[in-house]
Amino acid sequence: MPIVIAHRGASGYRPEHTLAAYELGARQGADYIEPDLVSTRDGELVARHENEISGTTDVADHPEFADRRTAKEIDSTAYEGWFVEDFTLAELKTLRARERIPDVRPENTEHDGRYEIPTLQEVIDLAARLGVGIYPETKHPSYHRALGLALEPALVAALRRNALDSAGAPVFVQSFDPASLEELGGALTVPLVQLVGSEPIDVEAIARYAHAIGPAKRLVSADLVAAAHAAGLAVHPYTFRRERRFLPDDVPDLTAELRRYYELGVDGVFTDNPDVAVAAG
């Protein structure tokens, strides 16, 4: 059975990157919960998929933060809104999470306003209590480094503080940025995962510094799995979601899609619906 990674928590059922989403993912049988990491102005790591937070929090409803709205370019993409790095942790804790895609998951909106943005330490504490692993990702690491808010030292410090920095700990660390992984590899002996969003995928080059690849699911084939395994890499594709718009036309439901990938020999899956992934195994 491949490992099941609760993608941003059980984000098919709760607003993503909240302790409620992570806890539900663990209780649904996920092996790992996945916090994407960005930094506050005072250097605290918190769980958000993007550092722009207008779509995942109620920040726009806070008049005291109206003057923080701004435009930025991050990794060659233009954004406008509110950004985590412009808030202290104390300020960020006054915000509440919202469902990111309410048109797709209207039932999740009943949880809007209930949950804080969690710190990495809060996620680690929850995972330890529930007996699951963590699978953190460094988000926009070069951007954060340019601001003087490098993610890697803070992540290493947190893992060391919790005795999660060595081989055998229930941790994978992932990034799209090879330089971020190489820096982390100099300080950690936990498995490193190179995320891949487009082809080509040079598994032999990746195997020089990482232990697994996390390819977009559309990139996965029997040949890729075989090549990765031959190079000593595990394969953890992303992202498996139950809604029809996220499924290929030729599969009836998420269970069928997951079983197709299990048959290809993948070693793990990122999913918004951990309960479905567990039952499909």
C-alpha atoms as a PDB file:
ATOM      1  CA  MET A   1       0.000   0.000   0.000  1.00  0.00           C
ATOM      2  CA  PRO A   2       1.471   3.385  -0.961  1.00  0.00           C
ATOM      3  CA  ILE A   3       1.746   5.977   1.774  1.00  0.00           C
ATOM      4  CA  VAL A   4      -1.108   8.480   1.926  1.00  0.00           C
ATOM      5  CA  ILE A   5      -0.214  12.164   2.319  1.00  0.00           C
ATOM      6  CA  ALA A   6      -3.038  14.443   3.472  1.00  0.00           C
ATOM      7  CA  HIS A   7      -2.550  17.291   0.979  1.00  0.00           C
ATOM      8  CA  ARG A   8      -2.818  20.522   2.979  1.00  0.00           C
ATOM      9  CA  GLY A   9      -4.655  18.275   5.431  1.00  0.00           C
ATOM     10  CA  ALA A  10      -7.959  16.640   4.500  1.00  0.00           C
ATOM     11  CA  SER A  11      -8.606  19.733   2.412  1.00  0.00           C
ATOM     12  CA  GLY A  12     -11.504  18.119   0.566  1.00  0.00           C
ATOM     13  CA  TYR A  13     -13.484  18.426   3.803  1.00  0.00           C
ATOM     14  CA  ARG A  14     -12.056  21.358   5.780  1.00  0.00           C
ATOM     15  CA  PRO A  15     -10.380  24.661   4.837  1.00  0.00           C
ATOM     16  CA  GLU A  16      -6.809  23.825   3.859  1.00  0.00           C
ATOM     17  CA  HIS A  17      -3.809  24.231   6.134  1.00  0.00           C
ATOM     18  CA  THR A  18      -5.800  24.348   9.364  1.00  0.00           C
ATOM     19  CA  LEU A  19      -5.310  22.135  12.379  1.00  0.00           C
ATOM     20  CA  ALA A  20      -8.827  20.839  11.774  1.00  0.00           C
ATOM     21  CA  ALA A  21      -7.887  19.751   8.244  1.00  0.00           C
ATOM     22  CA  TYR A  22      -4.684  18.096   9.442  1.00  0.00           C
ATOM     23  CA  GLU A  23      -6.429  16.309  12.301  1.00  0.00           C
ATOM     24  CA  LEU A  24      -9.181  15.002  10.046  1.00  0.00           C
ATOM     25  CA  GLY A  25      -6.576  13.765   7.563  1.00  0.00           C
ATOM     26  CA  ALA A  26      -4.788  11.866  10.302  1.00  0.00           C
ATOM     27  CA  ARG A  27      -8.029  10.388  11.614  1.00  0.00           C
ATOM     28  CA  GLN A  28      -8.955   9.292   8.088  1.00  0.00           C
ATOM     29  CA  GLY A  29      -5.811   7.173   7.998  1.00  0.00           C
ATOM     30  CA  ALA A  30      -3.221   9.381   6.312  1.00  0.00           C
ATOM     31  CA  ASP A  31       0.378   8.467   7.060  1.00  0.00           C
ATOM     32  CA  TYR A  32       1.602  12.068   6.712  1.00  0.00           C
ATOM     33  CA  ILE A  33       0.119  15.553   6.885  1.00  0.00           C
ATOM     34  CA  GLU A  34       1.492  18.233   4.589  1.00  0.00           C
ATOM     35  CA  PRO A  35       2.185  21.789   5.784  1.00  0.00           C
ATOM     36  CA  ASP A  36       3.347  24.210   3.098  1.00  0.00           C
ATOM     37  CA  LEU A  37       5.621  26.729   4.797  1.00  0.00           C
ATOM     38  CA  VAL A  38       5.949  30.500   4.462  1.00  0.00           C
ATOM     39  CA  SER A  39       7.428  33.044   6.874  1.00  0.00           C
ATOM     40  CA  THR A  40       5.936  35.847   8.923  1.00  0.00           C
ATOM     41  CA  ARG A  41       7.681  39.208   9.239  1.00  0.00           C
ATOM     42  CA  ASP A  42       9.191  38.079  12.531  1.00  0.00           C
ATOM     43  CA  GLY A  43      10.568  34.851  11.070  1.00  0.00           C
ATOM     44  CA  GLU A  44       7.961  32.339  12.237  1.00  0.00           C
ATOM     45  CA  LEU A  45       7.064  29.499   9.886  1.00  0.00           C
ATOM     46  CA  VAL A  46       3.344  29.097   9.300  1.00  0.00           C
ATOM     47  CA  ALA A  47       1.247  26.825   7.105  1.00  0.00           C
ATOM     48  CA  ARG A  48      -0.123  28.472   3.948  1.00  0.00           C
ATOM     49  CA  HIS A  49       0.040  27.266   0.373  1.00  0.00           C
ATOM     50  CA  GLU A  50       0.822  30.797  -0.776  1.00  0.00           C
ATOM     51  CA  ASN A  51       2.146  33.796   1.079  1.00  0.00           C
ATOM     52  CA  GLU A  52      -0.684  35.828  -0.508  1.00  0.00           C
ATOM     53  CA  ILE A  53      -3.636  35.164   1.813  1.00  0.00           C
ATOM     54  CA  SER A  54      -6.673  37.054   0.535  1.00  0.00           C
ATOM     55  CA  GLY A  55      -8.235  33.848  -0.778  1.00  0.00           C
ATOM     56  CA  THR A  56      -7.661  31.675   2.284  1.00  0.00           C
ATOM     57  CA  THR A  57      -8.297  34.049   5.201  1.00  0.00           C
ATOM     58  CA  ASP A  58     -10.655  36.850   6.244  1.00  0.00           C
ATOM     59  CA  VAL A  59      -7.881  39.451   6.071  1.00  0.00           C
ATOM     60  CA  ALA A  60      -9.955  41.678   3.758  1.00  0.00           C
ATOM     61  CA  ASP A  61     -12.543  42.011   6.537  1.00  0.00           C
ATOM     62  CA  HIS A  62      -9.996  43.516   8.947  1.00  0.00           C
ATOM     63  CA  PRO A  63      -9.954  47.316   8.535  1.00  0.00           C
ATOM     64  CA  GLU A  64      -6.843  47.559  10.687  1.00  0.00           C
ATOM     65  CA  PHE A  65      -4.937  45.784   7.910  1.00  0.00           C
ATOM     66  CA  ALA A  66      -6.432  47.613   4.929  1.00  0.00           C
ATOM     67  CA  ASP A  67      -3.191  49.521   4.332  1.00  0.00           C
ATOM     68  CA  ARG A  68      -1.235  46.259   4.051  1.00  0.00           C
ATOM     69  CA  ARG A  69      -2.842  45.437   0.711  1.00  0.00           C
ATOM     70  CA  THR A  70      -0.177  45.687  -1.978  1.00  0.00           C
ATOM     71  CA  ALA A  71       1.131  44.244  -5.240  1.00  0.00           C
ATOM     72  CA  LYS A  72       4.220  42.065  -5.518  1.00  0.00           C
ATOM     73  CA  GLU A  73       6.045  39.880  -7.995  1.00  0.00           C
ATOM     74  CA  ILE A  74       6.966  36.456  -6.625  1.00  0.00           C
ATOM     75  CA  ASP A  75       8.923  33.986  -8.719  1.00  0.00           C
ATOM     76  CA  SER A  76       8.005  35.920 -11.892  1.00  0.00           C
ATOM     77  CA  THR A  77       4.267  35.957 -11.131  1.00  0.00           C
ATOM     78  CA  ALA A  78       2.363  39.129 -10.233  1.00  0.00           C
ATOM     79  CA  TYR A  79       0.119  39.066  -7.152  1.00  0.00           C
ATOM     80  CA  GLU A  80      -2.076  41.621  -5.441  1.00  0.00           C
ATOM     81  CA  GLY A  81      -3.411  41.264  -1.933  1.00  0.00           C
ATOM     82  CA  TRP A  82      -2.089  40.668   1.565  1.00  0.00           C
ATOM     83  CA  PHE A  83       1.153  38.786   2.226  1.00  0.00           C
ATOM     84  CA  VAL A  84       2.231  36.740   5.241  1.00  0.00           C
ATOM     85  CA  GLU A  85       5.667  38.352   5.344  1.00  0.00           C
ATOM     86  CA  ASP A  86       4.031  41.717   6.047  1.00  0.00           C
ATOM     87  CA  PHE A  87       2.456  40.441   9.286  1.00  0.00           C
ATOM     88  CA  THR A  88       3.882  39.409  12.622  1.00  0.00           C
ATOM     89  CA  LEU A  89       2.754  36.059  13.968  1.00  0.00           C
ATOM     90  CA  ALA A  90       0.616  37.833  16.587  1.00  0.00           C
ATOM     91  CA  GLU A  91      -1.149  39.815  13.865  1.00  0.00           C
ATOM     92  CA  LEU A  92      -1.612  36.732  11.691  1.00  0.00           C
ATOM     93  CA  LYS A  93      -3.208  34.887  14.599  1.00  0.00           C
ATOM     94  CA  THR A  94      -6.064  37.418  14.603  1.00  0.00           C
ATOM     95  CA  LEU A  95      -7.132  36.182  11.150  1.00  0.00           C
ATOM     96  CA  ARG A  96      -9.327  33.179  10.456  1.00  0.00           C
ATOM     97  CA  ALA A  97      -9.150  30.657   7.630  1.00  0.00           C
ATOM     98  CA  ARG A  98     -11.621  30.395   4.766  1.00  0.00           C
ATOM     99  CA  GLU A  99     -12.278  27.779   2.094  1.00  0.00           C
ATOM    100  CA  ARG A 100     -10.029  28.540  -0.902  1.00  0.00           C
ATOM    101  CA  ILE A 101     -12.369  27.195  -3.604  1.00  0.00           C
ATOM    102  CA  PRO A 102     -15.910  27.762  -2.288  1.00  0.00           C
ATOM    103  CA  ASP A 103     -17.477  27.282  -5.723  1.00  0.00           C
ATOM    104  CA  VAL A 104     -16.067  23.728  -5.823  1.00  0.00           C
ATOM    105  CA  ARG A 105     -16.461  22.900  -2.134  1.00  0.00           C
ATOM    106  CA  PRO A 106     -19.441  24.919  -0.851  1.00  0.00           C
ATOM    107  CA  GLU A 107     -19.934  22.531   2.074  1.00  0.00           C
ATOM    108  CA  ASN A 108     -16.511  23.532   3.419  1.00  0.00           C
ATOM    109  CA  THR A 109     -17.600  27.150   3.778  1.00  0.00           C
ATOM    110  CA  GLU A 110     -19.568  26.273   6.919  1.00  0.00           C
ATOM    111  CA  HIS A 111     -16.151  26.115   8.606  1.00  0.00           C
ATOM    112  CA  ASP A 112     -15.124  29.613   7.487  1.00  0.00           C
ATOM    113  CA  GLY A 113     -14.053  31.767  10.390  1.00  0.00           C
ATOM    114  CA  ARG A 114     -13.452  28.927  12.840  1.00  0.00           C
ATOM    115  CA  TYR A 115      -9.731  28.219  12.564  1.00  0.00           C
ATOM    116  CA  GLU A 116      -6.457  30.067  12.981  1.00  0.00           C
ATOM    117  CA  ILE A 117      -3.428  29.873  10.728  1.00  0.00           C
ATOM    118  CA  PRO A 118      -1.205  27.264  12.409  1.00  0.00           C
ATOM    119  CA  THR A 119       2.501  27.512  13.046  1.00  0.00           C
ATOM    120  CA  LEU A 120       4.833  24.716  12.035  1.00  0.00           C
ATOM    121  CA  GLN A 121       5.313  23.893  15.711  1.00  0.00           C
ATOM    122  CA  GLU A 122       1.562  23.506  16.177  1.00  0.00           C
ATOM    123  CA  VAL A 123       1.465  21.116  13.218  1.00  0.00           C
ATOM    124  CA  ILE A 124       4.382  19.129  14.634  1.00  0.00           C
ATOM    125  CA  ASP A 125       2.677  18.905  18.022  1.00  0.00           C
ATOM    126  CA  LEU A 126      -0.577  17.726  16.433  1.00  0.00           C
ATOM    127  CA  ALA A 127       1.207  15.109  14.325  1.00  0.00           C
ATOM    128  CA  ALA A 128       3.029  13.761  17.382  1.00  0.00           C
ATOM    129  CA  ARG A 129      -0.221  13.537  19.327  1.00  0.00           C
ATOM    130  CA  LEU A 130      -1.985  11.688  16.518  1.00  0.00           C
ATOM    131  CA  GLY A 131       0.948   9.461  15.570  1.00  0.00           C
ATOM    132  CA  VAL A 132       1.432  10.599  11.965  1.00  0.00           C
ATOM    133  CA  GLY A 133       4.369  12.032  10.071  1.00  0.00           C
ATOM    134  CA  ILE A 134       4.838  15.496   8.593  1.00  0.00           C
ATOM    135  CA  TYR A 135       5.703  16.348   4.995  1.00  0.00           C
ATOM    136  CA  PRO A 136       6.621  20.069   4.912  1.00  0.00           C
ATOM    137  CA  GLU A 137       7.299  22.040   1.736  1.00  0.00           C
ATOM    138  CA  THR A 138       9.402  25.179   1.410  1.00  0.00           C
ATOM    139  CA  LYS A 139       7.322  27.664  -0.616  1.00  0.00           C
ATOM    140  CA  HIS A 140       9.040  30.349  -2.696  1.00  0.00           C
ATOM    141  CA  PRO A 141      12.359  29.808  -0.894  1.00  0.00           C
ATOM    142  CA  SER A 142      14.452  32.160  -3.039  1.00  0.00           C
ATOM    143  CA  TYR A 143      11.891  34.939  -2.570  1.00  0.00           C
ATOM    144  CA  HIS A 144      11.943  34.504   1.202  1.00  0.00           C
ATOM    145  CA  ARG A 145      15.744  34.385   1.207  1.00  0.00           C
ATOM    146  CA  ALA A 146      15.899  37.723  -0.609  1.00  0.00           C
ATOM    147  CA  LEU A 147      13.734  39.237   2.141  1.00  0.00           C
ATOM    148  CA  GLY A 148      16.079  38.006   4.856  1.00  0.00           C
ATOM    149  CA  LEU A 149      13.487  35.422   5.911  1.00  0.00           C
ATOM    150  CA  ALA A 150      15.163  32.231   4.676  1.00  0.00           C
ATOM    151  CA  LEU A 151      12.940  29.208   5.263  1.00  0.00           C
ATOM    152  CA  GLU A 152      15.624  26.541   5.455  1.00  0.00           C
ATOM    153  CA  PRO A 153      17.376  27.539   8.732  1.00  0.00           C
ATOM    154  CA  ALA A 154      14.035  27.966  10.480  1.00  0.00           C
ATOM    155  CA  LEU A 155      12.824  24.575   9.247  1.00  0.00           C
ATOM    156  CA  VAL A 156      16.050  22.842  10.275  1.00  0.00           C
ATOM    157  CA  ALA A 157      15.875  24.459  13.706  1.00  0.00           C
ATOM    158  CA  ALA A 158      12.282  23.327  14.193  1.00  0.00           C
ATOM    159  CA  LEU A 159      13.017  19.755  13.151  1.00  0.00           C
ATOM    160  CA  ARG A 160      16.094  19.620  15.387  1.00  0.00           C
ATOM    161  CA  ARG A 161      14.169  21.066  18.311  1.00  0.00           C
ATOM    162  CA  ASN A 162      11.651  18.240  17.958  1.00  0.00           C
ATOM    163  CA  ALA A 163      14.208  15.476  17.238  1.00  0.00           C
ATOM    164  CA  LEU A 164      12.871  15.114  13.683  1.00  0.00           C
ATOM    165  CA  ASP A 165      16.039  15.924  11.759  1.00  0.00           C
ATOM    166  CA  SER A 166      17.538  12.457  11.302  1.00  0.00           C
ATOM    167  CA  ALA A 167      16.907   9.408   9.138  1.00  0.00           C
ATOM    168  CA  GLY A 168      14.121   7.326  10.586  1.00  0.00           C
ATOM    169  CA  ALA A 169      12.092  10.306  11.759  1.00  0.00           C
ATOM    170  CA  PRO A 170       8.535  10.425  10.344  1.00  0.00           C
ATOM    171  CA  VAL A 171       9.414  13.291   8.001  1.00  0.00           C
ATOM    172  CA  PHE A 172       9.792  14.015   4.307  1.00  0.00           C
ATOM    173  CA  VAL A 173      10.872  17.494   3.184  1.00  0.00           C
ATOM    174  CA  GLN A 174       9.842  18.709  -0.266  1.00  0.00           C
ATOM    175  CA  SER A 175      10.371  21.649  -2.588  1.00  0.00           C
ATOM    176  CA  PHE A 176      10.193  22.638  -6.229  1.00  0.00           C
ATOM    177  CA  ASP A 177      13.526  24.421  -5.704  1.00  0.00           C
ATOM    178  CA  PRO A 178      16.575  22.130  -5.978  1.00  0.00           C
ATOM    179  CA  ALA A 179      18.781  24.720  -4.232  1.00  0.00           C
ATOM    180  CA  SER A 180      16.469  24.657  -1.223  1.00  0.00           C
ATOM    181  CA  LEU A 181      16.663  20.871  -1.042  1.00  0.00           C
ATOM    182  CA  GLU A 182      20.434  20.860  -1.433  1.00  0.00           C
ATOM    183  CA  GLU A 183      20.772  23.343   1.432  1.00  0.00           C
ATOM    184  CA  LEU A 184      18.475  21.257   3.603  1.00  0.00           C
ATOM    185  CA  GLY A 185      20.394  18.126   2.681  1.00  0.00           C
ATOM    186  CA  GLY A 186      23.499  19.615   4.219  1.00  0.00           C
ATOM    187  CA  ALA A 187      21.795  19.804   7.611  1.00  0.00           C
ATOM    188  CA  LEU A 188      19.242  16.982   7.622  1.00  0.00           C
ATOM    189  CA  THR A 189      19.268  13.248   6.938  1.00  0.00           C
ATOM    190  CA  VAL A 190      15.507  12.907   6.441  1.00  0.00           C
ATOM    191  CA  PRO A 191      14.320  12.026   2.918  1.00  0.00           C
ATOM    192  CA  LEU A 192      14.167  14.936   0.465  1.00  0.00           C
ATOM    193  CA  VAL A 193      11.558  15.120  -2.289  1.00  0.00           C
ATOM    194  CA  GLN A 194      11.976  17.028  -5.541  1.00  0.00           C
ATOM    195  CA  LEU A 195       8.609  18.299  -6.722  1.00  0.00           C
ATOM    196  CA  VAL A 196       8.173  18.395 -10.490  1.00  0.00           C
ATOM    197  CA  GLY A 197       5.461  20.225 -12.379  1.00  0.00           C
ATOM    198  CA  SER A 198       6.587  19.703 -15.972  1.00  0.00           C
ATOM    199  CA  GLU A 199       8.755  17.495 -18.118  1.00  0.00           C
ATOM    200  CA  PRO A 200      11.495  16.502 -18.672  1.00  0.00           C
ATOM    201  CA  ILE A 201      12.302  14.704 -15.429  1.00  0.00           C
ATOM    202  CA  ASP A 202      15.971  13.798 -15.080  1.00  0.00           C
ATOM    203  CA  VAL A 203      15.755  11.120 -12.416  1.00  0.00           C
ATOM    204  CA  GLU A 204      19.476  10.435 -12.374  1.00  0.00           C
ATOM    205  CA  ALA A 205      20.272  14.097 -11.677  1.00  0.00           C
ATOM    206  CA  ILE A 206      17.602  14.309  -8.984  1.00  0.00           C
ATOM    207  CA  ALA A 207      18.894  11.128  -7.350  1.00  0.00           C
ATOM    208  CA  ARG A 208      22.195  12.906  -6.616  1.00  0.00           C
ATOM    209  CA  TYR A 209      20.559  15.036  -3.903  1.00  0.00           C
ATOM    210  CA  ALA A 210      17.015  13.736  -3.298  1.00  0.00           C
ATOM    211  CA  HIS A 211      15.337  10.516  -2.245  1.00  0.00           C
ATOM    212  CA  ALA A 212      12.006  10.843  -4.061  1.00  0.00           C
ATOM    213  CA  ILE A 213      10.178  12.761  -6.757  1.00  0.00           C
ATOM    214  CA  GLY A 214       6.768  14.357  -6.373  1.00  0.00           C
ATOM    215  CA  PRO A 215       5.556  14.720  -9.957  1.00  0.00           C
ATOM    216  CA  ALA A 216       2.256  16.178 -11.107  1.00  0.00           C
ATOM    217  CA  LYS A 217       0.068  13.133 -11.638  1.00  0.00           C
ATOM    218  CA  ARG A 218      -0.274  13.784 -15.385  1.00  0.00           C
ATOM    219  CA  LEU A 219       3.471  13.158 -15.728  1.00  0.00           C
ATOM    220  CA  VAL A 220       3.405   9.696 -14.199  1.00  0.00           C
ATOM    221  CA  SER A 221       3.777   6.634 -16.404  1.00  0.00           C
ATOM    222  CA  ALA A 222       4.994   3.096 -15.928  1.00  0.00           C
ATOM    223  CA  ASP A 223       8.263   4.121 -17.578  1.00  0.00           C
ATOM    224  CA  LEU A 224       8.775   7.035 -15.191  1.00  0.00           C
ATOM    225  CA  VAL A 225       8.080   4.872 -12.153  1.00  0.00           C
ATOM    226  CA  ALA A 226      10.506   2.234 -13.395  1.00  0.00           C
ATOM    227  CA  ALA A 227      13.221   4.796 -14.140  1.00  0.00           C
ATOM    228  CA  ALA A 228      12.802   6.482 -10.774  1.00  0.00           C
ATOM    229  CA  HIS A 229      12.941   3.192  -8.908  1.00  0.00           C
ATOM    230  CA  ALA A 230      16.027   2.168 -10.864  1.00  0.00           C
ATOM    231  CA  ALA A 231      17.677   5.419  -9.729  1.00  0.00           C
ATOM    232  CA  GLY A 232      16.688   4.759  -6.118  1.00  0.00           C
ATOM    233  CA  LEU A 233      13.891   7.317  -6.017  1.00  0.00           C
ATOM    234  CA  ALA A 234      10.410   6.847  -4.607  1.00  0.00           C
ATOM    235  CA  VAL A 235       7.486   8.351  -6.543  1.00  0.00           C
ATOM    236  CA  HIS A 236       4.798  10.419  -4.765  1.00  0.00           C
ATOM    237  CA  PRO A 237       2.496  12.060  -7.354  1.00  0.00           C
ATOM    238  CA  TYR A 238       0.118  14.956  -6.682  1.00  0.00           C
ATOM    239  CA  THR A 239      -2.808  15.847  -6.381  1.00  0.00           C
ATOM    240  CA  PHE A 240      -5.724  13.415  -6.156  1.00  0.00           C
ATOM    241  CA  ARG A 241      -9.135  15.020  -5.603  1.00  0.00           C
ATOM    242  CA  ARG A 242     -12.627  13.561  -5.757  1.00  0.00           C
ATOM    243  CA  GLU A 243     -14.460  16.380  -7.549  1.00  0.00           C
ATOM    244  CA  ARG A 244     -15.316  15.664 -11.190  1.00  0.00           C
ATOM    245  CA  ARG A 245     -13.405  18.685 -12.508  1.00  0.00           C
ATOM    246  CA  PHE A 246     -10.152  17.230 -11.144  1.00  0.00           C
ATOM    247  CA  LEU A 247     -10.626  13.734 -12.577  1.00  0.00           C
ATOM    248  CA  PRO A 248      -9.588  12.462 -16.010  1.00  0.00           C
ATOM    249  CA  ASP A 249     -12.445  11.989 -18.436  1.00  0.00           C
ATOM    250  CA  ASP A 250     -11.846   8.247 -18.647  1.00  0.00           C
ATOM    251  CA  VAL A 251     -12.216   7.419 -14.939  1.00  0.00           C
ATOM    252  CA  PRO A 252     -15.545   7.330 -13.086  1.00  0.00           C
ATOM    253  CA  ASP A 253     -14.331   8.451  -9.685  1.00  0.00           C
ATOM    254  CA  LEU A 254     -11.348   9.059  -7.425  1.00  0.00           C
ATOM    255  CA  THR A 255     -11.165   5.431  -6.284  1.00  0.00           C
ATOM    256  CA  ALA A 256     -10.690   4.270  -9.857  1.00  0.00           C
ATOM    257  CA  GLU A 257      -8.076   6.922 -10.511  1.00  0.00           C
ATOM    258  CA  LEU A 258      -6.089   6.040  -7.407  1.00  0.00           C
ATOM    259  CA  ARG A 259      -6.123   2.342  -8.214  1.00  0.00           C
ATOM    260  CA  ARG A 260      -4.748   3.106 -11.665  1.00  0.00           C
ATOM    261  CA  TYR A 261      -1.745   4.806 -10.064  1.00  0.00           C
ATOM    262  CA  TYR A 262      -1.353   2.139  -7.396  1.00  0.00           C
ATOM    263  CA  GLU A 263      -1.091  -0.396 -10.213  1.00  0.00           C
ATOM    264  CA  LEU A 264       1.699   1.683 -11.774  1.00  0.00           C
ATOM    265  CA  GLY A 265       3.693   1.123  -8.586  1.00  0.00           C
ATOM    266  CA  VAL A 266       3.771   4.612  -7.083  1.00  0.00           C
ATOM    267  CA  ASP A 267       5.059   4.751  -3.521  1.00  0.00           C
ATOM    268  CA  GLY A 268       2.747   7.432  -2.172  1.00  0.00           C
ATOM    269  CA  VAL A 269      -0.005   9.849  -3.170  1.00  0.00           C
ATOM    270  CA  PHE A 270      -0.902  13.410  -2.219  1.00  0.00           C
ATOM    271  CA  THR A 271      -4.657  13.638  -1.816  1.00  0.00           C
ATOM    272  CA  ASP A 272      -7.305  16.030  -0.532  1.00  0.00           C
ATOM    273  CA  ASN A 273      -9.384  12.965   0.378  1.00  0.00           C
ATOM    274  CA  PRO A 274      -7.266  10.644   2.526  1.00  0.00           C
ATOM    275  CA  ASP A 275     -10.204   8.414   3.416  1.00  0.00           C
ATOM    276  CA  VAL A 276     -10.733   7.544  -0.255  1.00  0.00           C
ATOM    277  CA  ALA A 277      -7.017   6.868  -0.805  1.00  0.00           C
ATOM    278  CA  VAL A 278      -6.865   4.558   2.207  1.00  0.00           C
ATOM    279  CA  ALA A 279      -9.983   2.644   1.176  1.00  0.00           C
ATOM    280  CA  ALA A 280      -8.707   2.265  -2.394  1.00  0.00           C
ATOM    281  CA  GLY A 281      -5.546   0.495  -1.282  1.00  0.00           C
END
